[in-house]
Each structure stands twice: as structure tokens, then as C-alpha cells.
Amino acid sequence: MSRSLKKGPFVDPKLLVKVSRVKPGEGSIKTWSRASEIAPEMVGYTFGVHNGKAFIDVRVTEEMVGHRLGEFSPTRKFTKHGGKMQKELEIKAAETQKAQAVAAKAAPAKK
């Protein structure tokens, strides 16, 4: 749900101060403000967005402008879907990967 045009986009004022102090590409700006919208001034910076447990690094690009910082820092960790079929698929994938690694070692390197 978007904010009214009268109010404008929400960007945490403290976050804008931090952005003005740091040069683009120079370290990560830590923030807890997941609700802040990404403004055009933030393009090129790296933000450490807190997800409740840790800071997830988010590198801002032009396509992200208008989105919220929290969209790029998931709060839930997906482990995997389980079951007998999934286990068989994982075993086959591991065997294939192992066979490819052996074949790559066996092939002589060309210069």
C-alpha cells in the first residue's frame, strides 16, 4: 500500500544524513529502517539492512528506486522442501557434480 502523494515517500532522516557522510562504494551503511524507500541519492551505496538477526548487505541499483529497503533483506530463512523424492534428487545431483570434477581433473590443461 503506497503513501499518499501529499505526504511523499518515507525516507528516514537519519539514513539520509548517513548517506551524505559516506562516499559511494566506501563501506556499508548499517540501518534498521526497513520501511525507508530507496531514493535516487542512494544509488551506488551498500546498506547493511537488519533482518532481526543480522545485517544483510544490499547494493542499491537504479532499478531499486521506489522500493523499500526491507524488500531486499528477507526475515525468514527458507531451508528446503523435504521428502523421499527430494533426497534422491539431491543424491543424483551430488554424484553428477562429483563425476564432473573427476573428469575436469583427468583432462590435461591446454595452454
Protein backbone atom coordinates (compact mmCIF):
# COMPACT_ATOMS: atom_id res chain seq x y z
CA MET A 1 0.00 0.00 0.00
CA SER A 2 1.55 3.28 -1.07
CA ARG A 3 1.63 6.53 0.83
CA SER A 4 -0.44 9.47 -0.31
CA LEU A 5 1.15 11.82 -2.82
CA LYS A 6 0.59 14.67 -0.37
CA LYS A 7 2.89 13.05 2.22
CA GLY A 8 5.57 11.88 -0.22
CA PRO A 9 7.85 8.87 0.15
CA PHE A 10 9.16 7.91 3.60
CA VAL A 11 12.91 8.05 3.94
CA ASP A 12 14.40 8.03 7.44
CA PRO A 13 16.13 11.41 8.01
CA LYS A 14 18.98 9.74 9.94
CA LEU A 15 19.58 7.49 6.95
CA LEU A 16 19.92 10.47 4.61
CA VAL A 17 22.49 12.01 6.98
CA LYS A 18 24.50 8.77 6.94
CA VAL A 19 24.35 8.70 3.13
CA SER A 20 25.63 12.27 2.89
CA ARG A 21 28.63 11.42 5.12
CA VAL A 22 29.84 8.37 3.16
CA LYS A 23 31.13 8.15 -0.42
CA PRO A 24 29.52 5.63 -2.81
CA GLY A 25 31.17 2.20 -2.70
CA GLU A 26 33.01 3.02 0.55
CA GLY A 27 31.84 0.52 3.16
CA SER A 28 28.36 -0.38 4.31
CA ILE A 29 25.78 1.90 5.93
CA LYS A 30 24.05 -0.02 8.73
CA THR A 31 20.35 0.63 9.20
CA TRP A 32 17.34 -0.77 10.99
CA SER A 33 14.96 1.33 8.90
CA ARG A 34 13.48 -1.37 6.66
CA ALA A 35 10.48 0.85 5.84
CA SER A 36 12.60 3.54 4.17
CA GLU A 37 12.09 3.93 0.45
CA ILE A 38 15.13 3.90 -1.78
CA ALA A 39 15.72 7.39 -3.12
CA PRO A 40 17.75 8.24 -6.24
CA GLU A 41 20.51 9.68 -4.00
CA MET A 42 21.11 6.19 -2.57
CA VAL A 43 22.11 4.55 -5.88
CA GLY A 44 25.61 3.08 -5.71
CA TYR A 45 25.71 2.74 -1.92
CA THR A 46 25.76 -0.51 0.06
CA PHE A 47 23.38 -0.75 3.00
CA GLY A 48 23.50 -3.25 5.84
CA VAL A 49 19.77 -3.82 6.36
CA HIS A 50 18.87 -5.53 9.63
CA ASN A 51 16.57 -8.54 9.28
CA GLY A 52 16.00 -9.11 13.00
CA LYS A 53 19.11 -11.22 13.48
CA ALA A 54 21.90 -9.95 11.24
CA PHE A 55 22.71 -7.22 8.75
CA ILE A 56 22.21 -8.25 5.12
CA ASP A 57 24.29 -6.25 2.61
CA VAL A 58 22.16 -4.65 -0.11
CA ARG A 59 23.87 -2.89 -3.03
CA VAL A 60 21.44 -0.30 -4.41
CA THR A 61 20.94 -0.05 -8.19
CA GLU A 62 18.71 2.20 -10.30
CA GLU A 63 16.00 -0.47 -10.64
CA MET A 64 15.52 -0.47 -6.84
CA VAL A 65 14.47 3.20 -6.63
CA GLY A 66 10.95 3.44 -5.18
CA HIS A 67 11.13 0.09 -3.39
CA ARG A 68 11.64 -0.38 0.36
CA LEU A 69 14.97 -1.47 1.87
CA GLY A 70 13.26 -4.32 3.71
CA GLU A 71 12.22 -5.97 0.43
CA PHE A 72 15.83 -6.93 -0.23
CA SER A 73 16.59 -8.31 3.25
CA PRO A 74 14.41 -11.38 3.92
CA THR A 75 13.45 -12.02 7.54
CA ARG A 76 12.68 -15.72 7.14
CA LYS A 77 15.18 -18.38 6.15
CA PHE A 78 13.98 -20.99 3.66
CA THR A 79 15.66 -24.31 4.34
CA LYS A 80 14.12 -26.65 1.73
CA HIS A 81 11.19 -28.84 0.97
CA GLY A 82 11.84 -32.33 2.17
CA GLY A 83 10.70 -35.81 1.34
CA LYS A 84 11.96 -39.00 -0.21
CA MET A 85 11.95 -37.71 -3.81
CA GLN A 86 13.89 -34.59 -2.90
CA LYS A 87 16.57 -36.63 -1.15
CA GLU A 88 17.00 -38.84 -4.24
CA LEU A 89 17.33 -35.78 -6.48
CA GLU A 90 20.00 -34.30 -4.21
CA ILE A 91 22.00 -37.55 -4.22
CA LYS A 92 21.89 -37.70 -8.05
CA ALA A 93 22.99 -34.06 -8.29
CA ALA A 94 25.91 -34.69 -5.92
CA GLU A 95 27.02 -37.74 -7.94
CA THR A 96 26.87 -35.77 -11.19
CA GLN A 97 28.89 -32.94 -9.67
CA LYS A 98 31.50 -35.38 -8.37
CA ALA A 99 31.79 -37.04 -11.81
CA GLN A 100 32.28 -33.64 -13.48
CA ALA A 101 35.02 -32.73 -11.00
CA VAL A 102 36.85 -36.03 -11.66
CA ALA A 103 36.56 -35.53 -15.43
CA ALA A 104 37.90 -31.98 -15.16
CA LYS A 105 40.96 -33.20 -13.19
CA ALA A 106 41.61 -36.02 -15.65
CA ALA A 107 41.57 -33.76 -18.72
CA PRO A 108 45.00 -32.20 -19.37
CA ALA A 109 45.14 -28.41 -19.18
CA LYS A 110 45.78 -26.73 -22.55
CA LYS A 111 47.87 -23.60 -22.73
